[in-house]
Amino acid sequence: MQEHFAINVCPGPILPIPQISDFFPRFHDYPCTPPPPREKKILKEETFNGETGVGYKDGERRLDNDGDREEAIDSDDDDTYLGTLEFTLLFDQENNCLHCTIHKAKGLKAMDSNGLADPYVKLHLLPGASKANKLRTKTLKNTLNPVWNETLMYHGITAADMTTKTLRLCVCDMDRLGRNEFIGEVRVALKKLKEGENKRYYMGLERIAQNKEANNQMVEQGTVVAEEERGRILVSLCYNTEKGCLLVGIIRCAHLAAMDSNGYSDPFVKIILQPDMGKKSKYKTSVKKKTLNPEFNEEFSYEVTLDQLAKKTLEISVWDYDLGMSNDFIGGVELGITANGQRLRHWFDCLKNKGKKVEYWHTLTQQGAPSGDKPD
C-alpha cells in the first residue's frame, strides 16, 4: 500500500527553455525577397485655372479653392459605398440661367467620430475659373441623409456653354476645427441637358481615378480657357424717343476673373459713349466688395439723337477697385456699328426696337485693355 502512495520525484530529462521565437513561423530560405512596394492610387481632382488638388496620393491633403481645407481619404476605401446624391437641373435659355436644385443625399459615408457627418455640396463648372463659378449649399449637421432642397443658379450661361461645360458636384464634410473632408463627387456633361428640360438625377458618389498625363492635359486645357474668359456682363439698352436719350443698364456680372490675393475682386463698371462728349459721356457704377458675381442694377442716360447714336460706340469696361493704387482692368466690351457678332446684333436691336429694353449677355475680353486706371 505504501509504495502506491509514493511520489515520483525524479526530474527526468532536462528540457530546453522555450524561446519566444518558437511561437512564430520560421523561414529558412534566406536571403528572402522583400515584397514589392505598395502602389499608391491617385484620386481624381481635376484642376482648372488654379483649382488646387491635382491627384492626391494616400495620406496627402489639399487646400480647397475657397480656403476650406479638405483631407483626402485613404484610397483603400475607393471601392466602398459613399452614398447617393439627388438633384435637378434646368437650363433657361431665354434668361441664360442654369438652375441647380440640390434635393438630398442618402447613405453618406460617416466621416466624424460620432459615426455621422456635417455635409454640404459644392458646384463647379468645368473648365473655368474655380473661384468665379463656385456655388455652395448650406451645411447640415450630424446626418448621413441630408435634405437641402436648395436651388443655386448660374447666370450668363449660353447655349454654347451647354455644349462644352461639365457640372461637378462635390459632397464634403464640414469640420470647424479640422480640415474639411472630401466624401465623393458626381459629374454631368451639360450637353445632354435639353433646353427647358427639368431633369432629375440620382447618382452614386465616387472618387474618379485618372492618370497623371490626362490630368496635366486637363490642367493645360483649363488654363487656356481661363485666359480667354474674363467674365461676362449683362447689359440692357433702350432708346427713349420721347426724351431723346439712350438708357444703358448695367445689371450684373458673372464669373469675373479674380484680381486680388484673397481670390476675389472688388468690381465696378465704367461706360463711355464715343466719340467723347465730355463729362456727360462717362459714368461708373458703385463698387461691389469681394465678389466675382456682382449685381449692380444701375441705369445711366445719354442725351443723343437717334442719328448721332447710330455713329457712336459704347465702351464698357469692368475694373477691380484698389484703394490708393491703380485699379486693375478685368475686361471690356464695345457695342456699336463697328462691332460684330452678338455685340453688333445688340446695338441694331436697340436702334430697331425703339422704346423697348433689350438685354444681352456679353463676354469680357482683354482686347484694347488700358494700361491702368487711376483712383478717383
Protein backbone atom coordinates (compact mmCIF):
# COMPACT_ATOMS: atom_id res chain seq x y z
CA MET A 1 0.00 0.00 0.00
CA GLN A 2 2.73 2.39 0.86
CA GLU A 3 4.52 2.15 -2.49
CA HIS A 4 1.28 3.13 -4.28
CA PHE A 5 1.32 6.43 -2.42
CA ALA A 6 4.94 7.13 -3.19
CA ILE A 7 5.66 10.31 -5.14
CA ASN A 8 8.00 10.06 -8.07
CA VAL A 9 10.38 12.97 -7.65
CA CYS A 10 12.70 12.03 -10.49
CA PRO A 11 13.14 15.15 -12.58
CA GLY A 12 13.59 13.18 -15.80
CA PRO A 13 15.42 14.65 -18.78
CA ILE A 14 16.18 18.36 -18.75
CA LEU A 15 14.19 20.18 -21.48
CA PRO A 16 15.34 23.45 -23.13
CA ILE A 17 13.63 26.64 -22.06
CA PRO A 18 11.04 27.71 -24.70
CA GLN A 19 12.07 30.73 -26.76
CA ILE A 20 9.61 33.38 -27.89
CA SER A 21 10.59 32.65 -31.48
CA ASP A 22 9.21 29.12 -31.04
CA PHE A 23 5.70 30.56 -31.18
CA PHE A 24 6.17 32.16 -34.64
CA PRO A 25 6.75 30.51 -38.03
CA ARG A 26 10.33 30.31 -39.24
CA PHE A 27 11.59 30.82 -42.74
CA HIS A 28 14.91 29.27 -43.63
CA ASP A 29 15.10 30.22 -47.32
CA TYR A 30 17.40 33.18 -46.75
CA PRO A 31 18.01 35.58 -48.30
CA CYS A 32 14.31 36.21 -48.85
CA THR A 33 13.00 38.59 -51.48
CA PRO A 34 11.16 41.58 -49.95
CA PRO A 35 7.61 42.16 -51.18
CA PRO A 36 7.17 44.79 -53.90
CA PRO A 37 6.31 48.28 -52.64
CA ARG A 38 2.62 49.08 -52.43
CA GLU A 39 1.41 51.26 -55.27
CA LYS A 40 -0.36 54.48 -54.39
CA LYS A 41 -3.67 55.15 -56.09
CA ILE A 42 -4.41 58.66 -57.23
CA LEU A 43 -7.73 60.29 -56.53
CA LYS A 44 -9.23 62.37 -59.28
CA GLU A 45 -9.40 66.06 -58.55
CA GLU A 46 -9.46 67.91 -61.87
CA THR A 47 -7.85 71.30 -61.89
CA PHE A 48 -8.80 74.29 -64.00
CA ASN A 49 -7.25 77.72 -63.59
CA GLY A 50 -5.72 77.31 -60.17
CA GLU A 51 -8.08 74.86 -58.58
CA THR A 52 -5.81 73.01 -56.23
CA GLY A 53 -5.61 69.31 -55.52
CA VAL A 54 -4.49 67.68 -58.73
CA GLY A 55 -4.47 63.99 -57.90
CA TYR A 56 -3.92 63.14 -54.26
CA LYS A 57 -1.94 60.19 -53.06
CA ASP A 58 -2.71 58.28 -49.87
CA GLY A 59 -2.48 60.46 -46.79
CA GLU A 60 -2.00 63.70 -48.73
CA ARG A 61 -4.16 66.72 -48.02
CA ARG A 62 -5.29 69.61 -50.16
CA LEU A 63 -6.28 73.23 -49.73
CA ASP A 64 -9.58 73.87 -51.42
CA ASN A 65 -10.04 76.87 -53.69
CA ASP A 66 -12.39 78.64 -51.30
CA GLY A 67 -9.96 78.43 -48.40
CA ASP A 68 -11.52 75.34 -46.83
CA ARG A 69 -9.02 72.63 -46.15
CA GLU A 70 -10.19 69.24 -47.29
CA GLU A 71 -8.49 65.99 -46.38
CA ALA A 72 -8.22 63.23 -48.95
CA ILE A 73 -9.40 59.85 -47.68
CA ASP A 74 -7.15 56.79 -47.96
CA SER A 75 -7.59 55.35 -51.43
CA ASP A 76 -8.09 51.86 -49.97
CA ASP A 77 -11.68 52.98 -49.40
CA ASP A 78 -12.26 53.90 -53.04
CA ASP A 79 -14.42 50.87 -53.66
CA THR A 80 -16.61 51.40 -50.61
CA TYR A 81 -20.15 52.76 -50.83
CA LEU A 82 -20.04 56.55 -50.49
CA GLY A 83 -23.73 57.39 -50.82
CA THR A 84 -26.02 58.86 -53.48
CA LEU A 85 -26.92 62.42 -54.49
CA GLU A 86 -30.28 63.56 -55.83
CA PHE A 87 -30.52 66.84 -57.77
CA THR A 88 -32.38 68.55 -60.63
CA LEU A 89 -31.01 70.67 -63.49
CA LEU A 90 -32.90 73.15 -65.65
CA PHE A 91 -31.45 75.31 -68.44
CA ASP A 92 -33.38 78.54 -69.08
CA GLN A 93 -32.01 79.70 -72.43
CA GLU A 94 -34.21 82.80 -72.57
CA ASN A 95 -32.62 84.20 -69.39
CA ASN A 96 -29.27 82.42 -69.83
CA CYS A 97 -29.57 80.68 -66.46
CA LEU A 98 -28.74 77.20 -65.23
CA HIS A 99 -30.87 76.22 -62.23
CA CYS A 100 -29.32 73.57 -59.97
CA THR A 101 -31.63 72.25 -57.26
CA ILE A 102 -29.85 70.06 -54.70
CA HIS A 103 -32.51 67.85 -53.13
CA LYS A 104 -30.83 65.36 -50.82
CA ALA A 105 -28.19 62.71 -50.30
CA LYS A 106 -28.60 59.21 -48.89
CA GLY A 107 -26.30 56.83 -47.10
CA LEU A 108 -23.26 59.09 -46.97
CA LYS A 109 -20.07 57.65 -45.60
CA ALA A 110 -19.57 58.52 -41.92
CA MET A 111 -16.69 60.97 -41.55
CA ASP A 112 -16.83 62.00 -37.87
CA SER A 113 -16.06 60.09 -34.69
CA ASN A 114 -19.76 60.03 -33.78
CA GLY A 115 -20.49 57.96 -36.90
CA LEU A 116 -22.15 60.88 -38.69
CA ALA A 117 -21.11 63.79 -40.94
CA ASP A 118 -21.76 67.52 -41.47
CA PRO A 119 -22.29 67.51 -45.25
CA TYR A 120 -22.52 70.28 -47.80
CA VAL A 121 -22.40 70.33 -51.62
CA LYS A 122 -20.11 72.44 -53.80
CA LEU A 123 -20.74 73.07 -57.50
CA HIS A 124 -18.17 73.98 -60.16
CA LEU A 125 -18.46 74.49 -63.90
CA LEU A 126 -15.54 72.87 -65.69
CA PRO A 127 -13.47 74.09 -67.36
CA GLY A 128 -13.34 77.59 -65.88
CA ALA A 129 -12.01 79.73 -63.07
CA SER A 130 -12.91 77.84 -59.92
CA LYS A 131 -13.48 80.89 -57.69
CA ALA A 132 -15.72 82.61 -60.19
CA ASN A 133 -18.15 79.76 -60.75
CA LYS A 134 -18.21 78.10 -57.35
CA LEU A 135 -21.59 77.70 -55.66
CA ARG A 136 -22.21 76.04 -52.31
CA THR A 137 -25.16 74.82 -50.29
CA LYS A 138 -25.64 75.28 -46.58
CA THR A 139 -24.09 72.77 -44.16
CA LEU A 140 -26.35 70.29 -42.37
CA LYS A 141 -25.15 68.95 -39.01
CA ASN A 142 -24.90 65.34 -37.80
CA THR A 143 -26.58 63.43 -40.60
CA LEU A 144 -25.81 60.85 -43.26
CA ASN A 145 -29.10 61.54 -45.07
CA PRO A 146 -29.18 65.32 -45.54
CA VAL A 147 -32.10 67.11 -47.19
CA TRP A 148 -31.19 70.51 -48.64
CA ASN A 149 -33.91 71.34 -51.22
CA GLU A 150 -31.78 74.34 -52.15
CA THR A 151 -31.64 75.95 -55.61
CA LEU A 152 -28.40 77.51 -56.84
CA MET A 153 -28.22 79.49 -60.09
CA TYR A 154 -25.53 80.12 -62.69
CA HIS A 155 -26.13 83.35 -64.61
CA GLY A 156 -24.74 84.12 -68.05
CA ILE A 157 -24.80 80.53 -69.31
CA THR A 158 -25.25 80.39 -73.09
CA ALA A 159 -26.29 77.56 -75.38
CA ALA A 160 -22.65 77.31 -76.49
CA ASP A 161 -21.60 76.77 -72.86
CA MET A 162 -24.03 73.89 -72.56
CA THR A 163 -22.17 72.03 -75.29
CA THR A 164 -18.72 72.37 -73.71
CA LYS A 165 -19.19 72.62 -69.93
CA THR A 166 -19.40 69.91 -67.29
CA LEU A 167 -21.05 70.41 -63.91
CA ARG A 168 -19.14 68.93 -60.99
CA LEU A 169 -20.96 68.37 -57.68
CA CYS A 170 -18.77 67.55 -54.67
CA VAL A 171 -20.13 66.37 -51.33
CA CYS A 172 -17.84 67.30 -48.43
CA ASP A 173 -17.87 67.03 -44.65
CA MET A 174 -17.51 70.31 -42.74
CA ASP A 175 -15.06 70.31 -39.81
CA ARG A 176 -14.93 73.59 -37.92
CA LEU A 177 -11.65 72.88 -36.15
CA GLY A 178 -10.03 70.46 -38.55
CA ARG A 179 -9.90 70.02 -42.29
CA ASN A 180 -13.00 69.59 -44.41
CA GLU A 181 -13.10 66.09 -45.83
CA PHE A 182 -13.94 65.15 -49.38
CA ILE A 183 -16.62 62.42 -49.46
CA GLY A 184 -17.34 61.96 -53.15
CA GLU A 185 -18.42 63.64 -56.37
CA VAL A 186 -20.57 63.30 -59.48
CA ARG A 187 -20.22 64.95 -62.88
CA VAL A 188 -22.81 65.79 -65.52
CA ALA A 189 -22.00 66.75 -69.12
CA LEU A 190 -24.38 69.65 -69.77
CA LYS A 191 -24.64 68.85 -73.49
CA LYS A 192 -27.02 66.04 -72.50
CA LEU A 193 -29.44 68.53 -70.94
CA LYS A 194 -32.07 69.89 -73.31
CA GLU A 195 -33.26 73.49 -73.14
CA GLY A 196 -36.29 73.84 -70.87
CA GLU A 197 -35.97 70.25 -69.63
CA ASN A 198 -36.31 69.87 -65.86
CA LYS A 199 -34.18 66.75 -65.47
CA ARG A 200 -33.83 64.89 -62.18
CA TYR A 201 -30.69 62.88 -61.40
CA TYR A 202 -29.99 60.07 -58.93
CA MET A 203 -26.27 59.38 -58.95
CA GLY A 204 -23.86 57.46 -56.78
CA LEU A 205 -20.91 59.38 -55.37
CA GLU A 206 -17.47 58.27 -56.46
CA ARG A 207 -13.81 59.12 -56.48
CA ILE A 208 -12.75 59.13 -60.09
CA ALA A 209 -9.26 57.84 -60.82
CA GLN A 210 -7.18 59.32 -63.60
CA ASN A 211 -3.63 59.09 -64.79
CA LYS A 212 -1.12 61.88 -64.49
CA GLU A 213 -0.84 62.63 -68.22
CA ALA A 214 -4.60 63.07 -68.60
CA ASN A 215 -4.61 65.26 -65.51
CA ASN A 216 -1.90 67.53 -66.86
CA GLN A 217 -3.69 67.78 -70.19
CA MET A 218 -6.89 68.88 -68.47
CA VAL A 219 -4.95 71.48 -66.49
CA GLU A 220 -3.46 72.90 -69.69
CA GLN A 221 -6.86 72.98 -71.41
CA GLY A 222 -8.43 74.64 -68.39
CA THR A 223 -5.67 77.27 -68.27
CA VAL A 224 -6.22 78.18 -71.92
CA VAL A 225 -9.96 78.62 -71.41
CA ALA A 226 -9.40 80.61 -68.24
CA GLU A 227 -7.07 83.03 -70.04
CA GLU A 228 -9.66 83.67 -72.75
CA GLU A 229 -12.60 84.16 -70.43
CA ARG A 230 -12.50 87.21 -68.17
CA GLY A 231 -16.14 87.01 -67.17
CA ARG A 232 -19.49 88.16 -68.56
CA ILE A 233 -21.73 91.16 -68.19
CA LEU A 234 -25.49 91.59 -68.65
CA VAL A 235 -26.29 94.92 -70.32
CA SER A 236 -29.65 96.45 -71.25
CA LEU A 237 -30.09 99.11 -73.95
CA CYS A 238 -33.18 101.20 -74.63
CA TYR A 239 -33.60 104.28 -76.81
CA ASN A 240 -36.33 106.55 -75.43
CA THR A 241 -37.77 108.51 -78.34
CA GLU A 242 -39.86 110.79 -76.10
CA LYS A 243 -36.85 112.06 -74.16
CA GLY A 244 -34.36 111.57 -76.97
CA CYS A 245 -31.91 109.61 -74.87
CA LEU A 246 -30.17 106.25 -74.66
CA LEU A 247 -30.72 104.33 -71.42
CA VAL A 248 -27.86 101.95 -70.53
CA GLY A 249 -28.50 99.44 -67.76
CA ILE A 250 -25.62 97.62 -66.05
CA ILE A 251 -27.44 94.71 -64.46
CA ARG A 252 -24.88 92.16 -63.29
CA CYS A 253 -21.59 90.40 -64.00
CA ALA A 254 -20.84 86.70 -63.75
CA HIS A 255 -17.70 84.58 -63.41
CA LEU A 256 -15.29 87.53 -63.26
CA ALA A 257 -11.57 86.89 -63.09
CA ALA A 258 -10.11 87.14 -59.58
CA MET A 259 -7.69 90.06 -59.26
CA ASP A 260 -6.97 90.20 -55.50
CA SER A 261 -4.82 87.92 -53.35
CA ASN A 262 -7.91 86.70 -51.47
CA GLY A 263 -9.19 85.12 -54.69
CA TYR A 264 -11.90 87.73 -55.26
CA SER A 265 -12.31 91.19 -56.79
CA ASP A 266 -13.94 94.50 -55.83
CA PRO A 267 -15.59 95.17 -59.21
CA PHE A 268 -17.18 98.26 -60.68
CA VAL A 269 -18.17 99.16 -64.26
CA LYS A 270 -17.29 102.20 -66.37
CA ILE A 271 -19.16 103.19 -69.53
CA ILE A 272 -18.12 105.77 -72.14
CA LEU A 273 -20.03 106.82 -75.25
CA GLN A 274 -17.51 107.54 -78.02
CA PRO A 275 -16.69 109.89 -79.65
CA ASP A 276 -16.19 111.52 -76.29
CA MET A 277 -18.87 114.06 -75.32
CA GLY A 278 -17.06 115.31 -72.23
CA LYS A 279 -18.17 114.55 -68.68
CA LYS A 280 -21.67 113.68 -69.87
CA SER A 281 -20.30 110.67 -71.73
CA LYS A 282 -18.61 108.97 -68.74
CA TYR A 283 -20.34 107.06 -65.96
CA LYS A 284 -19.34 104.46 -63.39
CA THR A 285 -21.26 102.15 -61.09
CA SER A 286 -20.79 101.62 -57.39
CA VAL A 287 -18.10 99.21 -56.14
CA LYS A 288 -19.18 95.75 -55.01
CA LYS A 289 -16.81 94.32 -52.42
CA LYS A 290 -15.26 90.86 -52.51
CA THR A 291 -17.31 89.17 -55.21
CA LEU A 292 -16.91 87.65 -58.65
CA ASN A 293 -20.65 87.73 -59.39
CA PRO A 294 -21.75 91.31 -58.59
CA GLU A 295 -25.26 92.65 -59.06
CA PHE A 296 -25.43 96.36 -59.91
CA ASN A 297 -28.92 97.07 -61.33
CA GLU A 298 -27.90 100.65 -62.19
CA GLU A 299 -29.09 102.68 -65.17
CA PHE A 300 -27.48 105.65 -66.94
CA SER A 301 -28.82 108.11 -69.52
CA TYR A 302 -27.20 109.74 -72.58
CA GLU A 303 -28.94 112.65 -74.34
CA VAL A 304 -28.29 111.93 -78.00
CA THR A 305 -30.36 111.89 -81.18
CA LEU A 306 -31.02 108.61 -82.94
CA ASP A 307 -28.99 109.69 -85.99
CA GLN A 308 -25.99 110.58 -83.83
CA LEU A 309 -26.33 107.36 -81.81
CA ALA A 310 -26.04 105.20 -84.91
CA LYS A 311 -22.50 106.56 -85.43
CA LYS A 312 -21.31 106.15 -81.86
CA THR A 313 -19.69 103.33 -79.88
CA LEU A 314 -20.45 102.37 -76.29
CA GLU A 315 -17.34 101.23 -74.40
CA ILE A 316 -18.00 99.13 -71.29
CA SER A 317 -15.15 98.11 -69.01
CA VAL A 318 -15.06 96.22 -65.71
CA TRP A 319 -12.43 97.11 -63.10
CA ASP A 320 -11.20 95.87 -59.76
CA TYR A 321 -11.04 98.71 -57.24
CA ASP A 322 -7.81 99.08 -55.25
CA LEU A 323 -7.65 101.74 -52.53
CA GLY A 324 -4.76 104.15 -53.07
CA MET A 325 -3.42 102.19 -56.07
CA SER A 326 -4.14 101.88 -59.77
CA ASN A 327 -7.30 99.89 -60.36
CA ASP A 328 -6.93 96.58 -62.19
CA PHE A 329 -8.61 96.10 -65.56
CA ILE A 330 -10.68 92.89 -65.65
CA GLY A 331 -12.23 93.00 -69.10
CA GLY A 332 -14.29 95.03 -71.52
CA VAL A 333 -16.71 95.01 -74.44
CA GLU A 334 -17.62 97.52 -77.18
CA LEU A 335 -21.10 97.92 -78.64
CA GLY A 336 -21.67 99.88 -81.82
CA ILE A 337 -21.71 99.94 -85.60
CA THR A 338 -18.06 98.82 -85.74
CA ALA A 339 -18.69 95.75 -83.56
CA ASN A 340 -19.51 92.29 -84.85
CA GLY A 341 -21.42 89.18 -83.85
CA GLN A 342 -23.71 89.44 -80.85
CA ARG A 343 -22.37 92.89 -79.92
CA LEU A 344 -23.44 94.31 -83.26
CA ARG A 345 -26.79 92.48 -83.03
CA HIS A 346 -27.45 94.03 -79.60
CA TRP A 347 -26.78 97.52 -81.00
CA PHE A 348 -29.05 97.00 -84.01
CA ASP A 349 -31.84 95.58 -81.84
CA CYS A 350 -31.69 98.71 -79.68
CA LEU A 351 -31.93 101.05 -82.70
CA LYS A 352 -34.63 98.97 -84.34
CA ASN A 353 -36.86 98.43 -81.28
CA LYS A 354 -37.19 102.00 -80.05
CA GLY A 355 -38.75 102.30 -76.60
CA LYS A 356 -38.06 98.63 -75.81
CA LYS A 357 -35.44 97.45 -73.34
CA VAL A 358 -33.11 94.89 -74.94
CA GLU A 359 -30.89 92.73 -72.72
CA TYR A 360 -27.85 90.74 -73.85
CA TRP A 361 -25.03 88.87 -72.14
CA HIS A 362 -21.56 89.75 -73.43
CA THR A 363 -18.21 88.06 -72.84
CA LEU A 364 -15.49 90.32 -71.45
CA THR A 365 -12.15 90.34 -73.24
CA GLN A 366 -8.75 91.96 -72.72
CA GLN A 367 -8.68 93.44 -76.22
CA GLY A 368 -7.95 97.15 -76.05
CA ALA A 369 -7.22 96.93 -72.35
CA PRO A 370 -5.98 100.28 -70.98
CA SER A 371 -2.71 100.34 -69.10
CA GLY A 372 -4.34 101.23 -65.82
CA ASP A 373 -6.97 103.30 -64.06
CA LYS A 374 -6.02 105.93 -61.53
CA PRO A 375 -8.08 106.05 -58.32
CA ASP A 376 -10.66 108.78 -58.16
